[in-house]
Amino acid sequence: MKVKTLIALATISAILGCGHSFQRTYTAPNYTPTAMRKIIVAPFQNLTFYPHAGVIISDLIATEFIRKGGVSVVKREQVERYLAERKMKGVIIDRSLATAIGRALKADGVLYGSVSEFWYQKTKDRYPDWEPAVGVNARLANVKSGTIVWATSTSQSGSAPFTYLFHDSKEAFQNVAQGTVREICSSLLGY
């Protein structure tokens, strides 16, 4: 009986437990999520080979903020217009530029960062032999003080064989991207 139970538990663990999530977060001592009533989610820098990964992640984050409520999100088009008017389209957004954009668009905070991983990574000794992986580095600048009040480095991968029985690889990848974004937003908003 014990052997059958152990085999069943091992099988369930193998089906549900393949993949990983990693998050390191900094929160300033004086940061309170409720102080950020209006947030800009700037287009993230794309450090991957996947086209538009930065825009995809920043749009997913903005959508998650809207879904969770509690903050007003400035439209990405407004940020892009601000940058285009200053002939800065495609520039890397740093803390200084983030706070300048925030002041101009009357926001409390600006979330900016980069996408470091947005593809499939090779796995060892498991089926499938690849898994979707997403890595994001994000920082929240307080527009009033110009300081970073929150930062995270988050990555997630997923390779549960069970997922591939009922979903195609694109859907599995979307699940990993959405999971990464949910972790970021939950940490940032505090709920």
C-alpha atoms as a PDB file:
ATOM      1  CA  MET A   1       0.000   0.000   0.000  1.00  0.00           C
ATOM      2  CA  LYS A   2       2.791   2.452   0.898  1.00  0.00           C
ATOM      3  CA  VAL A   3       4.577   1.775  -2.398  1.00  0.00           C
ATOM      4  CA  LYS A   4       1.428   2.531  -4.445  1.00  0.00           C
ATOM      5  CA  THR A   5       0.892   5.764  -2.511  1.00  0.00           C
ATOM      6  CA  LEU A   6       4.495   6.840  -3.071  1.00  0.00           C
ATOM      7  CA  ILE A   7       4.255   6.053  -6.789  1.00  0.00           C
ATOM      8  CA  ALA A   8       0.988   8.026  -7.064  1.00  0.00           C
ATOM      9  CA  LEU A   9       2.511  11.020  -5.239  1.00  0.00           C
ATOM     10  CA  ALA A  10       5.643  10.906  -7.386  1.00  0.00           C
ATOM     11  CA  THR A  11       3.551  10.793 -10.564  1.00  0.00           C
ATOM     12  CA  ILE A  12       1.396  13.745  -9.484  1.00  0.00           C
ATOM     13  CA  SER A  13       4.498  15.726  -8.522  1.00  0.00           C
ATOM     14  CA  ALA A  14       6.104  15.005 -11.887  1.00  0.00           C
ATOM     15  CA  ILE A  15       2.984  16.080 -13.757  1.00  0.00           C
ATOM     16  CA  LEU A  16       2.290  19.256 -11.798  1.00  0.00           C
ATOM     17  CA  GLY A  17       5.669  20.278 -10.492  1.00  0.00           C
ATOM     18  CA  CYS A  18       7.950  20.709 -13.486  1.00  0.00           C
ATOM     19  CA  GLY A  19       8.948  24.302 -14.010  1.00  0.00           C
ATOM     20  CA  HIS A  20      10.155  27.043 -11.752  1.00  0.00           C
ATOM     21  CA  SER A  21       9.503  30.548 -10.596  1.00  0.00           C
ATOM     22  CA  PHE A  22      12.052  32.947  -9.138  1.00  0.00           C
ATOM     23  CA  GLN A  23      11.484  36.436  -7.810  1.00  0.00           C
ATOM     24  CA  ARG A  24      13.773  38.864  -5.987  1.00  0.00           C
ATOM     25  CA  THR A  25      12.081  42.084  -4.946  1.00  0.00           C
ATOM     26  CA  TYR A  26      13.148  45.329  -3.302  1.00  0.00           C
ATOM     27  CA  THR A  27      10.621  47.588  -1.624  1.00  0.00           C
ATOM     28  CA  ALA A  28      11.634  50.969  -0.226  1.00  0.00           C
ATOM     29  CA  PRO A  29      10.800  51.388   3.481  1.00  0.00           C
ATOM     30  CA  ASN A  30       8.466  54.322   2.757  1.00  0.00           C
ATOM     31  CA  TYR A  31       6.665  52.735  -0.228  1.00  0.00           C
ATOM     32  CA  THR A  32       2.951  52.166   0.094  1.00  0.00           C
ATOM     33  CA  PRO A  33       1.068  50.808  -2.942  1.00  0.00           C
ATOM     34  CA  THR A  34      -1.925  53.069  -2.251  1.00  0.00           C
ATOM     35  CA  ALA A  35       0.253  56.162  -2.830  1.00  0.00           C
ATOM     36  CA  MET A  36       0.497  55.257  -6.502  1.00  0.00           C
ATOM     37  CA  ARG A  37      -2.955  56.189  -7.809  1.00  0.00           C
ATOM     38  CA  LYS A  38      -1.879  56.863 -11.417  1.00  0.00           C
ATOM     39  CA  ILE A  39       0.828  54.706 -12.993  1.00  0.00           C
ATOM     40  CA  ILE A  40       2.545  54.741 -16.352  1.00  0.00           C
ATOM     41  CA  VAL A  41       3.706  51.380 -17.643  1.00  0.00           C
ATOM     42  CA  ALA A  42       6.447  52.392 -20.068  1.00  0.00           C
ATOM     43  CA  PRO A  43       7.382  50.091 -22.945  1.00  0.00           C
ATOM     44  CA  PHE A  44       9.949  47.653 -21.556  1.00  0.00           C
ATOM     45  CA  GLN A  45      13.322  47.280 -23.230  1.00  0.00           C
ATOM     46  CA  ASN A  46      13.523  44.049 -25.218  1.00  0.00           C
ATOM     47  CA  LEU A  47      16.765  42.166 -24.525  1.00  0.00           C
ATOM     48  CA  THR A  48      15.557  39.031 -26.317  1.00  0.00           C
ATOM     49  CA  PHE A  49      15.410  37.862 -29.915  1.00  0.00           C
ATOM     50  CA  TYR A  50      11.607  37.695 -29.794  1.00  0.00           C
ATOM     51  CA  PRO A  51      10.121  40.720 -31.625  1.00  0.00           C
ATOM     52  CA  HIS A  52       8.211  43.160 -29.409  1.00  0.00           C
ATOM     53  CA  ALA A  53       8.673  41.155 -26.178  1.00  0.00           C
ATOM     54  CA  GLY A  54       9.070  44.411 -24.210  1.00  0.00           C
ATOM     55  CA  VAL A  55       5.819  45.869 -25.510  1.00  0.00           C
ATOM     56  CA  ILE A  56       4.007  42.559 -24.967  1.00  0.00           C
ATOM     57  CA  ILE A  57       5.067  42.366 -21.309  1.00  0.00           C
ATOM     58  CA  SER A  58       4.322  46.044 -20.588  1.00  0.00           C
ATOM     59  CA  ASP A  59       0.857  45.646 -22.161  1.00  0.00           C
ATOM     60  CA  LEU A  60       0.192  42.512 -20.097  1.00  0.00           C
ATOM     61  CA  ILE A  61       1.217  44.378 -16.931  1.00  0.00           C
ATOM     62  CA  ALA A  62      -1.024  47.359 -17.768  1.00  0.00           C
ATOM     63  CA  THR A  63      -3.931  44.993 -18.412  1.00  0.00           C
ATOM     64  CA  GLU A  64      -3.348  43.217 -15.102  1.00  0.00           C
ATOM     65  CA  PHE A  65      -3.309  46.571 -13.257  1.00  0.00           C
ATOM     66  CA  ILE A  66      -6.628  47.476 -14.857  1.00  0.00           C
ATOM     67  CA  ARG A  67      -8.047  44.036 -14.000  1.00  0.00           C
ATOM     68  CA  LYS A  68      -6.965  44.269 -10.359  1.00  0.00           C
ATOM     69  CA  GLY A  69      -8.178  47.863  -9.995  1.00  0.00           C
ATOM     70  CA  GLY A  70      -7.012  50.413  -7.467  1.00  0.00           C
ATOM     71  CA  VAL A  71      -4.769  52.318  -9.903  1.00  0.00           C
ATOM     72  CA  SER A  72      -5.330  54.363 -13.018  1.00  0.00           C
ATOM     73  CA  VAL A  73      -3.078  53.357 -15.917  1.00  0.00           C
ATOM     74  CA  VAL A  74      -1.853  55.882 -18.486  1.00  0.00           C
ATOM     75  CA  LYS A  75      -2.237  54.551 -22.029  1.00  0.00           C
ATOM     76  CA  ARG A  76       0.938  53.370 -23.747  1.00  0.00           C
ATOM     77  CA  GLU A  77       0.057  55.534 -26.743  1.00  0.00           C
ATOM     78  CA  GLN A  78       0.420  58.656 -24.579  1.00  0.00           C
ATOM     79  CA  VAL A  79       3.948  57.601 -23.580  1.00  0.00           C
ATOM     80  CA  GLU A  80       4.827  56.802 -27.191  1.00  0.00           C
ATOM     81  CA  ARG A  81       3.486  60.195 -28.314  1.00  0.00           C
ATOM     82  CA  TYR A  82       5.551  61.950 -25.621  1.00  0.00           C
ATOM     83  CA  LEU A  83       8.696  60.150 -26.810  1.00  0.00           C
ATOM     84  CA  ALA A  84       7.966  60.697 -30.518  1.00  0.00           C
ATOM     85  CA  GLU A  85       7.406  64.441 -30.016  1.00  0.00           C
ATOM     86  CA  ARG A  86      10.875  64.658 -28.481  1.00  0.00           C
ATOM     87  CA  LYS A  87      12.426  62.414 -31.150  1.00  0.00           C
ATOM     88  CA  MET A  88      13.172  59.796 -28.484  1.00  0.00           C
ATOM     89  CA  LYS A  89      11.296  56.855 -29.954  1.00  0.00           C
ATOM     90  CA  GLY A  90      13.086  53.602 -29.155  1.00  0.00           C
ATOM     91  CA  VAL A  91      15.329  55.056 -26.421  1.00  0.00           C
ATOM     92  CA  ILE A  92      16.083  53.065 -23.296  1.00  0.00           C
ATOM     93  CA  ILE A  93      13.973  54.414 -20.450  1.00  0.00           C
ATOM     94  CA  ASP A  94      15.977  54.974 -17.285  1.00  0.00           C
ATOM     95  CA  ARG A  95      14.966  56.502 -13.942  1.00  0.00           C
ATOM     96  CA  SER A  96      15.592  60.071 -15.082  1.00  0.00           C
ATOM     97  CA  LEU A  97      13.540  59.730 -18.260  1.00  0.00           C
ATOM     98  CA  ALA A  98      10.846  57.771 -16.433  1.00  0.00           C
ATOM     99  CA  THR A  99      10.341  60.569 -13.904  1.00  0.00           C
ATOM    100  CA  ALA A 100      10.336  63.211 -16.679  1.00  0.00           C
ATOM    101  CA  ILE A 101       7.625  61.269 -18.526  1.00  0.00           C
ATOM    102  CA  GLY A 102       5.709  60.881 -15.275  1.00  0.00           C
ATOM    103  CA  ARG A 103       5.806  64.606 -14.538  1.00  0.00           C
ATOM    104  CA  ALA A 104       4.705  65.489 -18.074  1.00  0.00           C
ATOM    105  CA  LEU A 105       1.801  63.030 -17.987  1.00  0.00           C
ATOM    106  CA  LYS A 106       0.899  63.813 -14.347  1.00  0.00           C
ATOM    107  CA  ALA A 107       1.436  60.327 -12.952  1.00  0.00           C
ATOM    108  CA  ASP A 108       2.471  59.256  -9.451  1.00  0.00           C
ATOM    109  CA  GLY A 109       4.733  56.448 -10.623  1.00  0.00           C
ATOM    110  CA  VAL A 110       6.355  55.033 -13.722  1.00  0.00           C
ATOM    111  CA  LEU A 111       7.024  51.319 -14.120  1.00  0.00           C
ATOM    112  CA  TYR A 112       9.849  50.601 -16.564  1.00  0.00           C
ATOM    113  CA  GLY A 113      12.374  47.859 -17.143  1.00  0.00           C
ATOM    114  CA  SER A 114      13.448  45.111 -19.480  1.00  0.00           C
ATOM    115  CA  VAL A 115      12.520  41.657 -20.701  1.00  0.00           C
ATOM    116  CA  SER A 116      15.562  39.410 -20.421  1.00  0.00           C
ATOM    117  CA  GLU A 117      13.998  36.117 -21.470  1.00  0.00           C
ATOM    118  CA  PHE A 118      11.013  35.422 -23.703  1.00  0.00           C
ATOM    119  CA  TRP A 119      11.374  32.141 -25.512  1.00  0.00           C
ATOM    120  CA  TYR A 120      11.831  28.422 -25.006  1.00  0.00           C
ATOM    121  CA  GLN A 121      14.707  26.995 -23.056  1.00  0.00           C
ATOM    122  CA  LYS A 122      16.203  23.551 -23.364  1.00  0.00           C
ATOM    123  CA  THR A 123      15.564  21.114 -20.528  1.00  0.00           C
ATOM    124  CA  LYS A 124      17.518  18.057 -19.490  1.00  0.00           C
ATOM    125  CA  ASP A 125      16.251  14.527 -19.086  1.00  0.00           C
ATOM    126  CA  ARG A 126      12.531  15.345 -19.219  1.00  0.00           C
ATOM    127  CA  TYR A 127       9.669  15.464 -21.613  1.00  0.00           C
ATOM    128  CA  PRO A 128       9.146  17.828 -23.286  1.00  0.00           C
ATOM    129  CA  ASP A 129      12.771  18.742 -23.974  1.00  0.00           C
ATOM    130  CA  TRP A 130      11.950  22.469 -24.067  1.00  0.00           C
ATOM    131  CA  GLU A 131       9.884  24.776 -21.904  1.00  0.00           C
ATOM    132  CA  PRO A 132       8.589  28.330 -22.222  1.00  0.00           C
ATOM    133  CA  ALA A 133      10.542  30.842 -20.136  1.00  0.00           C
ATOM    134  CA  VAL A 134       9.964  34.519 -19.323  1.00  0.00           C
ATOM    135  CA  GLY A 135      12.291  36.841 -17.399  1.00  0.00           C
ATOM    136  CA  VAL A 136      11.466  40.434 -16.457  1.00  0.00           C
ATOM    137  CA  ASN A 137      13.332  43.154 -14.569  1.00  0.00           C
ATOM    138  CA  ALA A 138      11.125  46.043 -13.478  1.00  0.00           C
ATOM    139  CA  ARG A 139      11.473  49.209 -11.428  1.00  0.00           C
ATOM    140  CA  LEU A 140       8.885  51.666 -10.143  1.00  0.00           C
ATOM    141  CA  ALA A 141      10.034  55.278  -9.982  1.00  0.00           C
ATOM    142  CA  ASN A 142       8.221  57.687  -7.683  1.00  0.00           C
ATOM    143  CA  VAL A 143       7.670  60.729  -9.899  1.00  0.00           C
ATOM    144  CA  LYS A 144       7.609  63.214  -7.006  1.00  0.00           C
ATOM    145  CA  SER A 145      10.889  62.121  -5.390  1.00  0.00           C
ATOM    146  CA  GLY A 146      12.604  60.636  -8.442  1.00  0.00           C
ATOM    147  CA  THR A 147      13.594  57.556  -6.440  1.00  0.00           C
ATOM    148  CA  ILE A 148      13.090  53.851  -7.059  1.00  0.00           C
ATOM    149  CA  VAL A 149      10.493  52.662  -4.552  1.00  0.00           C
ATOM    150  CA  TRP A 150      10.075  49.108  -5.804  1.00  0.00           C
ATOM    151  CA  ALA A 151      12.078  46.759  -8.030  1.00  0.00           C
ATOM    152  CA  THR A 152      11.931  43.122  -9.030  1.00  0.00           C
ATOM    153  CA  SER A 153      13.731  40.504 -11.028  1.00  0.00           C
ATOM    154  CA  THR A 154      11.229  37.793 -11.871  1.00  0.00           C
ATOM    155  CA  SER A 155      11.526  34.704 -14.040  1.00  0.00           C
ATOM    156  CA  GLN A 156       9.255  31.787 -14.622  1.00  0.00           C
ATOM    157  CA  SER A 157       9.314  28.686 -16.751  1.00  0.00           C
ATOM    158  CA  GLY A 158       6.814  25.935 -17.205  1.00  0.00           C
ATOM    159  CA  SER A 159       7.173  22.434 -18.463  1.00  0.00           C
ATOM    160  CA  ALA A 160       4.476  20.419 -16.803  1.00  0.00           C
ATOM    161  CA  PRO A 161       3.870  17.516 -19.182  1.00  0.00           C
ATOM    162  CA  PHE A 162       0.190  17.625 -18.194  1.00  0.00           C
ATOM    163  CA  THR A 163      -0.028  21.101 -19.775  1.00  0.00           C
ATOM    164  CA  TYR A 164       1.062  19.782 -23.153  1.00  0.00           C
ATOM    165  CA  LEU A 165      -1.565  17.055 -23.202  1.00  0.00           C
ATOM    166  CA  PHE A 166      -4.388  19.624 -23.351  1.00  0.00           C
ATOM    167  CA  HIS A 167      -2.738  22.815 -24.649  1.00  0.00           C
ATOM    168  CA  ASP A 168      -0.476  23.670 -27.544  1.00  0.00           C
ATOM    169  CA  SER A 169       2.966  25.185 -27.000  1.00  0.00           C
ATOM    170  CA  LYS A 170       1.723  28.732 -27.691  1.00  0.00           C
ATOM    171  CA  GLU A 171      -0.892  28.466 -24.953  1.00  0.00           C
ATOM    172  CA  ALA A 172       1.697  27.024 -22.554  1.00  0.00           C
ATOM    173  CA  PHE A 173       3.951  30.011 -23.326  1.00  0.00           C
ATOM    174  CA  GLN A 174       1.076  32.452 -22.726  1.00  0.00           C
ATOM    175  CA  ASN A 175       0.387  30.792 -19.367  1.00  0.00           C
ATOM    176  CA  VAL A 176       4.003  31.321 -18.298  1.00  0.00           C
ATOM    177  CA  ALA A 177       3.975  34.974 -19.444  1.00  0.00           C
ATOM    178  CA  GLN A 178       0.694  35.630 -17.611  1.00  0.00           C
ATOM    179  CA  GLY A 179       2.019  33.929 -14.464  1.00  0.00           C
ATOM    180  CA  THR A 180       5.130  36.101 -14.502  1.00  0.00           C
ATOM    181  CA  VAL A 181       3.030  39.242 -14.898  1.00  0.00           C
ATOM    182  CA  ARG A 182       0.661  38.207 -12.077  1.00  0.00           C
ATOM    183  CA  GLU A 183       3.635  37.739  -9.736  1.00  0.00           C
ATOM    184  CA  ILE A 184       4.979  41.199 -10.624  1.00  0.00           C
ATOM    185  CA  CYS A 185       1.624  42.941 -10.198  1.00  0.00           C
ATOM    186  CA  SER A 186       0.764  41.183  -6.939  1.00  0.00           C
ATOM    187  CA  SER A 187       4.118  42.153  -5.467  1.00  0.00           C
ATOM    188  CA  LEU A 188       3.897  45.743  -6.684  1.00  0.00           C
ATOM    189  CA  LEU A 189       0.289  46.419  -5.693  1.00  0.00           C
ATOM    190  CA  GLY A 190       0.447  44.466  -2.450  1.00  0.00           C
ATOM    191  CA  TYR A 191      -2.589  42.260  -3.182  1.00  0.00           C
END
